PDB file of N, CA and C in Angstrom:
ATOM      1  N   MET A   1     174.572  42.347 211.027  1.00  0.00           N
ATOM      2  CA  MET A   1     173.552  42.253 212.093  1.00  0.00           C
ATOM      3  C   MET A   1     172.094  42.529 211.360  1.00  0.00           C
ATOM      4  N   GLU A   2     171.197  41.664 211.624  1.00  0.00           N
ATOM      5  CA  GLU A   2     169.742  41.750 211.210  1.00  0.00           C
ATOM      6  C   GLU A   2     168.977  42.977 211.654  1.00  0.00           C
ATOM      7  N   SER A   3     168.258  43.409 210.824  1.00  0.00           N
ATOM      8  CA  SER A   3     167.586  44.660 211.331  1.00  0.00           C
ATOM      9  C   SER A   3     166.713  44.584 212.551  1.00  0.00           C
ATOM     10  N   ALA A   4     165.966  43.427 212.549  1.00  0.00           N
ATOM     11  CA  ALA A   4     165.159  43.126 213.809  1.00  0.00           C
ATOM     12  C   ALA A   4     166.101  43.356 215.069  1.00  0.00           C
ATOM     13  N   THR A   5     167.322  42.584 214.824  1.00  0.00           N
ATOM     14  CA  THR A   5     168.007  42.595 216.119  1.00  0.00           C
ATOM     15  C   THR A   5     168.524  43.974 216.547  1.00  0.00           C
ATOM     16  N   LEU A   6     168.952  44.851 215.549  1.00  0.00           N
ATOM     17  CA  LEU A   6     169.357  46.123 215.931  1.00  0.00           C
ATOM     18  C   LEU A   6     168.118  46.977 216.368  1.00  0.00           C
ATOM     19  N   ARG A   7     166.945  46.738 215.805  1.00  0.00           N
ATOM     20  CA  ARG A   7     165.900  47.602 216.196  1.00  0.00           C
ATOM     21  C   ARG A   7     165.418  47.243 217.775  1.00  0.00           C
ATOM     22  N   LYS A   8     165.527  45.871 218.097  1.00  0.00           N
ATOM     23  CA  LYS A   8     165.241  45.562 219.490  1.00  0.00           C
ATOM     24  C   LYS A   8     166.393  46.237 220.470  1.00  0.00           C
ATOM     25  N   TRP A   9     167.797  46.013 220.062  1.00  0.00           N
ATOM     26  CA  TRP A   9     168.558  46.529 220.861  1.00  0.00           C
ATOM     27  C   TRP A   9     168.541  47.980 221.094  1.00  0.00           C
ATOM     28  N   LEU A  10     168.219  48.676 220.176  1.00  0.00           N
ATOM     29  CA  LEU A  10     167.903  50.221 220.299  1.00  0.00           C
ATOM     30  C   LEU A  10     166.740  50.502 221.087  1.00  0.00           C
ATOM     31  N   ALA A  11     165.561  49.857 220.915  1.00  0.00           N
ATOM     32  CA  ALA A  11     164.450  49.897 221.700  1.00  0.00           C
ATOM     33  C   ALA A  11     164.805  49.739 223.158  1.00  0.00           C
ATOM     34  N   ASP A  12     165.561  48.612 223.578  1.00  0.00           N
ATOM     35  CA  ASP A  12     165.905  48.340 224.814  1.00  0.00           C
ATOM     36  C   ASP A  12     166.593  49.484 225.541  1.00  0.00           C
ATOM     37  N   ARG A  13     167.213  50.353 224.714  1.00  0.00           N
ATOM     38  CA  ARG A  13     167.994  51.315 225.263  1.00  0.00           C
ATOM     39  C   ARG A  13     167.218  52.843 225.272  1.00  0.00           C
ATOM     40  N   GLY A  14     166.035  52.639 224.840  1.00  0.00           N
ATOM     41  CA  GLY A  14     164.892  53.872 224.980  1.00  0.00           C
ATOM     42  C   GLY A  14     164.675  54.710 223.678  1.00  0.00           C
ATOM     43  N   CYS A  15     165.218  54.178 222.558  1.00  0.00           N
ATOM     44  CA  CYS A  15     165.049  54.649 221.429  1.00  0.00           C
ATOM     45  C   CYS A  15     163.692  54.609 220.894  1.00  0.00           C
ATOM     46  N   THR A  16     163.130  55.582 219.986  1.00  0.00           N
ATOM     47  CA  THR A  16     161.653  55.611 219.586  1.00  0.00           C
ATOM     48  C   THR A  16     161.868  55.640 217.981  1.00  0.00           C
ATOM     49  N   PHE A  17     160.873  55.076 217.276  1.00  0.00           N
ATOM     50  CA  PHE A  17     161.072  54.984 215.837  1.00  0.00           C
ATOM     51  C   PHE A  17     159.873  55.711 215.102  1.00  0.00           C
ATOM     52  N   GLU A  18     160.141  56.430 214.040  1.00  0.00           N
ATOM     53  CA  GLU A  18     159.223  57.274 213.221  1.00  0.00           C
ATOM     54  C   GLU A  18     159.289  56.643 211.843  1.00  0.00           C
ATOM     55  N   ARG A  19     158.370  55.939 211.259  1.00  0.00           N
ATOM     56  CA  ARG A  19     158.587  55.404 209.946  1.00  0.00           C
ATOM     57  C   ARG A  19     158.070  56.534 208.963  1.00  0.00           C
ATOM     58  N   HIS A  20     158.867  56.590 207.825  1.00  0.00           N
ATOM     59  CA  HIS A  20     158.578  57.529 206.698  1.00  0.00           C
ATOM     60  C   HIS A  20     158.290  56.706 205.525  1.00  0.00           C
ATOM     61  N   GLU A  21     157.245  57.250 204.661  1.00  0.00           N
ATOM     62  CA  GLU A  21     156.982  56.592 203.408  1.00  0.00           C
ATOM     63  C   GLU A  21     158.078  56.858 202.372  1.00  0.00           C
ATOM     64  N   ARG A  22     157.989  56.452 201.301  1.00  0.00           N
ATOM     65  CA  ARG A  22     158.960  56.618 200.287  1.00  0.00           C
ATOM     66  C   ARG A  22     158.753  58.094 199.740  1.00  0.00           C
ATOM     67  N   GLY A  23     159.755  58.502 199.000  1.00  0.00           N
ATOM     68  CA  GLY A  23     159.896  59.912 198.410  1.00  0.00           C
ATOM     69  C   GLY A  23     158.704  60.075 197.462  1.00  0.00           C
ATOM     70  N   LYS A  24     158.576  61.243 196.964  1.00  0.00           N
ATOM     71  CA  LYS A  24     157.558  61.650 195.868  1.00  0.00           C
ATOM     72  C   LYS A  24     157.476  60.648 194.844  1.00  0.00           C
ATOM     73  N   GLY A  25     156.295  60.281 194.549  1.00  0.00           N
ATOM     74  CA  GLY A  25     155.919  59.300 193.415  1.00  0.00           C
ATOM     75  C   GLY A  25     156.196  57.921 193.820  1.00  0.00           C
ATOM     76  N   GLY A  26     156.536  57.718 195.113  1.00  0.00           N
ATOM     77  CA  GLY A  26     156.656  56.302 195.487  1.00  0.00           C
ATOM     78  C   GLY A  26     158.161  55.790 195.206  1.00  0.00           C
ATOM     79  N   LEU A  27     158.974  56.686 194.816  1.00  0.00           N
ATOM     80  CA  LEU A  27     160.378  56.349 194.532  1.00  0.00           C
ATOM     81  C   LEU A  27     161.322  56.552 195.544  1.00  0.00           C
ATOM     82  N   GLY A  28     162.327  55.957 195.622  1.00  0.00           N
ATOM     83  CA  GLY A  28     163.306  56.097 196.707  1.00  0.00           C
ATOM     84  C   GLY A  28     163.158  55.036 197.809  1.00  0.00           C
ATOM     85  N   HIS A  29     163.953  55.036 198.785  1.00  0.00           N
ATOM     86  CA  HIS A  29     163.776  54.090 199.956  1.00  0.00           C
ATOM     87  C   HIS A  29     163.210  54.643 201.183  1.00  0.00           C
ATOM     88  N   ALA A  30     162.078  53.677 201.666  1.00  0.00           N
ATOM     89  CA  ALA A  30     161.551  54.017 202.982  1.00  0.00           C
ATOM     90  C   ALA A  30     162.599  54.180 204.037  1.00  0.00           C
ATOM     91  N   THR A  31     162.503  55.030 205.065  1.00  0.00           N
ATOM     92  CA  THR A  31     163.519  55.134 205.993  1.00  0.00           C
ATOM     93  C   THR A  31     162.715  55.182 207.387  1.00  0.00           C
ATOM     94  N   VAL A  32     163.450  54.945 208.448  1.00  0.00           N
ATOM     95  CA  VAL A  32     162.900  55.213 209.743  1.00  0.00           C
ATOM     96  C   VAL A  32     163.877  55.983 210.373  1.00  0.00           C
ATOM     97  N   THR A  33     163.318  57.155 211.168  1.00  0.00           N
ATOM     98  CA  THR A  33     164.067  58.069 212.042  1.00  0.00           C
ATOM     99  C   THR A  33     163.994  57.476 213.368  1.00  0.00           C
ATOM    100  N   VAL A  34     165.261  57.215 214.043  1.00  0.00           N
ATOM    101  CA  VAL A  34     165.426  56.485 215.219  1.00  0.00           C
ATOM    102  C   VAL A  34     165.761  57.777 216.174  1.00  0.00           C
ATOM    103  N   ARG A  35     165.234  57.825 217.305  1.00  0.00           N
ATOM    104  CA  ARG A  35     165.459  59.158 218.128  1.00  0.00           C
ATOM    105  C   ARG A  35     165.913  58.540 219.507  1.00  0.00           C
ATOM    106  N   LEU A  36     166.778  59.275 220.086  1.00  0.00           N
ATOM    107  CA  LEU A  36     167.271  58.872 221.572  1.00  0.00           C
ATOM    108  C   LEU A  36     167.687  60.296 222.121  1.00  0.00           C
ATOM    109  N   GLY A  37     166.583  60.732 222.935  1.00  0.00           N
ATOM    110  CA  GLY A  37     166.626  62.211 223.495  1.00  0.00           C
ATOM    111  C   GLY A  37     166.731  63.142 222.232  1.00  0.00           C
ATOM    112  N   SER A  38     167.800  63.933 222.129  1.00  0.00           N
ATOM    113  CA  SER A  38     167.719  64.935 221.111  1.00  0.00           C
ATOM    114  C   SER A  38     168.417  64.455 219.966  1.00  0.00           C
ATOM    115  N   ARG A  39     169.088  63.310 220.044  1.00  0.00           N
ATOM    116  CA  ARG A  39     169.814  62.656 218.990  1.00  0.00           C
ATOM    117  C   ARG A  39     168.974  62.084 217.941  1.00  0.00           C
ATOM    118  N   ARG A  40     169.284  61.718 216.827  1.00  0.00           N
ATOM    119  CA  ARG A  40     168.663  61.002 215.906  1.00  0.00           C
ATOM    120  C   ARG A  40     169.362  60.441 214.703  1.00  0.00           C
ATOM    121  N   ALA A  41     168.900  59.317 214.052  1.00  0.00           N
ATOM    122  CA  ALA A  41     169.643  58.731 213.108  1.00  0.00           C
ATOM    123  C   ALA A  41     168.667  58.271 212.049  1.00  0.00           C
ATOM    124  N   GLU A  42     169.075  57.832 210.924  1.00  0.00           N
ATOM    125  CA  GLU A  42     168.136  57.455 209.866  1.00  0.00           C
ATOM    126  C   GLU A  42     168.559  55.937 209.541  1.00  0.00           C
ATOM    127  N   LEU A  43     167.431  54.985 209.822  1.00  0.00           N
ATOM    128  CA  LEU A  43     167.678  53.587 209.457  1.00  0.00           C
ATOM    129  C   LEU A  43     166.917  53.268 208.281  1.00  0.00           C
ATOM    130  N   PRO A  44     167.426  52.559 207.144  1.00  0.00           N
ATOM    131  CA  PRO A  44     166.894  52.135 206.121  1.00  0.00           C
ATOM    132  C   PRO A  44     165.860  51.076 206.482  1.00  0.00           C
ATOM    133  N   GLU A  45     164.686  51.161 205.899  1.00  0.00           N
ATOM    134  CA  GLU A  45     163.554  50.333 205.948  1.00  0.00           C
ATOM    135  C   GLU A  45     163.791  49.106 205.258  1.00  0.00           C
ATOM    136  N   VAL A  46     164.035  47.809 205.948  1.00  0.00           N
ATOM    137  CA  VAL A  46     164.375  46.727 205.127  1.00  0.00           C
ATOM    138  C   VAL A  46     163.667  45.498 205.915  1.00  0.00           C
ATOM    139  N   GLY A  47     163.583  44.384 205.369  1.00  0.00           N
ATOM    140  CA  GLY A  47     163.011  43.276 205.957  1.00  0.00           C
ATOM    141  C   GLY A  47     163.727  42.989 207.336  1.00  0.00           C
ATOM    142  N   THR A  48     162.927  42.407 208.218  1.00  0.00           N
ATOM    143  CA  THR A  48     163.445  42.239 209.408  1.00  0.00           C
ATOM    144  C   THR A  48     164.635  41.168 209.499  1.00  0.00           C
ATOM    145  N   LYS A  49     164.567  40.265 208.684  1.00  0.00           N
ATOM    146  CA  LYS A  49     165.715  39.248 208.628  1.00  0.00           C
ATOM    147  C   LYS A  49     166.831  39.765 207.816  1.00  0.00           C
ATOM    148  N   GLN A  50     166.666  40.944 207.061  1.00  0.00           N
ATOM    149  CA  GLN A  50     167.750  41.514 206.220  1.00  0.00           C
ATOM    150  C   GLN A  50     169.038  41.917 206.842  1.00  0.00           C
ATOM    151  N   PRO A  51     170.058  41.498 206.538  1.00  0.00           N
ATOM    152  CA  PRO A  51     171.241  42.072 207.215  1.00  0.00           C
ATOM    153  C   PRO A  51     171.686  43.523 206.801  1.00  0.00           C
ATOM    154  N   LEU A  52     172.043  44.239 207.755  1.00  0.00           N
ATOM    155  CA  LEU A  52     172.493  45.675 207.498  1.00  0.00           C
ATOM    156  C   LEU A  52     173.925  45.753 207.469  1.00  0.00           C
ATOM    157  N   PRO A  53     174.680  46.379 206.504  1.00  0.00           N
ATOM    158  CA  PRO A  53     175.915  46.625 206.466  1.00  0.00           C
ATOM    159  C   PRO A  53     176.611  47.173 207.818  1.00  0.00           C
ATOM    160  N   SER A  54     177.587  46.822 208.131  1.00  0.00           N
ATOM    161  CA  SER A  54     178.266  47.118 209.448  1.00  0.00           C
ATOM    162  C   SER A  54     178.561  48.645 209.497  1.00  0.00           C
ATOM    163  N   ASP A  55     178.842  49.238 208.182  1.00  0.00           N
ATOM    164  CA  ASP A  55     179.087  50.727 208.308  1.00  0.00           C
ATOM    165  C   ASP A  55     178.019  51.630 208.564  1.00  0.00           C
ATOM    166  N   ILE A  56     176.846  51.054 208.094  1.00  0.00           N
ATOM    167  CA  ILE A  56     175.509  51.619 208.488  1.00  0.00           C
ATOM    168  C   ILE A  56     175.178  51.459 209.947  1.00  0.00           C
ATOM    169  N   VAL A  57     175.162  50.376 210.420  1.00  0.00           N
ATOM    170  CA  VAL A  57     175.054  50.131 211.922  1.00  0.00           C
ATOM    171  C   VAL A  57     175.834  50.909 212.693  1.00  0.00           C
ATOM    172  N   ARG A  58     177.209  50.980 212.419  1.00  0.00           N
ATOM    173  CA  ARG A  58     178.271  51.799 213.159  1.00  0.00           C
ATOM    174  C   ARG A  58     177.836  53.350 213.170  1.00  0.00           C
ATOM    175  N   LYS A  59     177.294  53.854 211.955  1.00  0.00           N
ATOM    176  CA  LYS A  59     176.844  55.255 211.783  1.00  0.00           C
ATOM    177  C   LYS A  59     175.673  55.557 212.797  1.00  0.00           C
ATOM    178  N   ILE A  60     174.635  54.491 212.448  1.00  0.00           N
ATOM    179  CA  ILE A  60     173.434  54.728 213.429  1.00  0.00           C
ATOM    180  C   ILE A  60     173.696  54.601 214.865  1.00  0.00           C
ATOM    181  N   VAL A  61     174.623  53.796 215.509  1.00  0.00           N
ATOM    182  CA  VAL A  61     174.873  53.790 216.999  1.00  0.00           C
ATOM    183  C   VAL A  61     175.686  55.007 217.286  1.00  0.00           C
ATOM    184  N   GLY A  62     176.584  55.375 216.389  1.00  0.00           N
ATOM    185  CA  GLY A  62     177.448  56.712 216.748  1.00  0.00           C
ATOM    186  C   GLY A  62     176.507  57.914 216.708  1.00  0.00           C
ATOM    187  N   ASP A  63     175.576  58.146 215.773  1.00  0.00           N
ATOM    188  CA  ASP A  63     174.705  59.225 215.775  1.00  0.00           C
ATOM    189  C   ASP A  63     173.997  59.265 217.007  1.00  0.00           C
ATOM    190  N   LEU A  64     173.631  58.088 217.580  1.00  0.00           N
ATOM    191  CA  LEU A  64     172.743  58.199 218.700  1.00  0.00           C
ATOM    192  C   LEU A  64     173.497  58.202 220.133  1.00  0.00           C
ATOM    193  N   GLY A  65     174.825  58.127 219.903  1.00  0.00           N
ATOM    194  CA  GLY A  65     175.618  58.415 221.159  1.00  0.00           C
ATOM    195  C   GLY A  65     175.846  57.039 221.955  1.00  0.00           C
ATOM    196  N   LEU A  66     175.612  56.067 221.302  1.00  0.00           N
ATOM    197  CA  LEU A  66     175.618  54.655 222.086  1.00  0.00           C
ATOM    198  C   LEU A  66     176.951  54.065 221.675  1.00  0.00           C
ATOM    199  N   ASN A  67     177.212  53.014 222.606  1.00  0.00           N
ATOM    200  CA  ASN A  67     178.770  52.278 222.344  1.00  0.00           C
ATOM    201  C   ASN A  67     178.472  50.995 221.453  1.00  0.00           C
ATOM    202  N   TYR A  68     179.141  51.051 220.203  1.00  0.00           N
ATOM    203  CA  TYR A  68     179.220  50.112 219.255  1.00  0.00           C
ATOM    204  C   TYR A  68     179.757  48.718 219.891  1.00  0.00           C
ATOM    205  N   ASP A  69     180.506  48.847 220.844  1.00  0.00           N
ATOM    206  CA  ASP A  69     181.096  47.353 221.395  1.00  0.00           C
ATOM    207  C   ASP A  69     179.981  46.744 222.106  1.00  0.00           C
ATOM    208  N   GLU A  70     178.997  47.481 222.465  1.00  0.00           N
ATOM    209  CA  GLU A  70     177.900  46.794 223.366  1.00  0.00           C
ATOM    210  C   GLU A  70     176.775  45.988 222.433  1.00  0.00           C
ATOM    211  N   LEU A  71     177.012  45.975 221.068  1.00  0.00           N
ATOM    212  CA  LEU A  71     175.956  45.454 220.408  1.00  0.00           C
ATOM    213  C   LEU A  71     175.897  43.924 220.565  1.00  0.00           C
ATOM    214  N   PRO A  72     174.930  43.118 220.378  1.00  0.00           N
ATOM    215  CA  PRO A  72     175.078  41.692 220.494  1.00  0.00           C
ATOM    216  C   PRO A  72     175.651  41.200 219.253  1.00  0.00           C
ATOM    217  N   GLY A  73     176.215  39.894 219.547  1.00  0.00           N
ATOM    218  CA  GLY A  73     177.106  39.324 218.351  1.00  0.00           C
ATOM    219  C   GLY A  73     178.409  39.086 218.713  1.00  0.00           C
ATOM    220  N   PRO A  74     179.247  38.907 217.593  1.00  0.00           N
ATOM    221  CA  PRO A  74     180.666  38.386 217.978  1.00  0.00           C
ATOM    222  C   PRO A  74     181.342  39.656 218.595  1.00  0.00           C
ATOM    223  N   LYS A  75     182.188  39.172 219.658  1.00  0.00           N
ATOM    224  CA  LYS A  75     182.879  40.125 220.386  1.00  0.00           C
ATOM    225  C   LYS A  75     184.305  40.580 219.874  1.00  0.00           C
ATOM    226  N   SER A  76     184.429  40.017 218.418  1.00  0.00           N
ATOM    227  CA  SER A  76     185.716  40.489 217.889  1.00  0.00           C
ATOM    228  C   SER A  76     185.544  41.514 216.860  1.00  0.00           C
ATOM    229  N   ARG A  77     184.622  42.448 217.129  1.00  0.00           N
ATOM    230  CA  ARG A  77     184.380  43.563 216.246  1.00  0.00           C
ATOM    231  C   ARG A  77     185.627  44.649 216.267  1.00  0.00           C
ATOM    232  N   VAL A  78     185.858  44.853 214.771  1.00  0.00           N
ATOM    233  CA  VAL A  78     186.948  45.670 214.557  1.00  0.00           C
ATOM    234  C   VAL A  78     186.596  47.233 214.402  1.00  0.00           C
TER     235      VAL A  78
END
């Protein structure tokens, strides 16, 4: 799933996003904290067309208490 597709799907469900800069000295990966009520998840900051690994998408969706099966895309998710 592309990063932009996941972000749009999360925003449609009421999630907010907080961007964080890279770690000390500009090293490390930039991240985005995704919040939904009192829940939160960390989303890696990648290009909008960059695909995200399914295990990361599953963790983000689970951390926010959303249903992974409702994600857009193939209905044959395992």
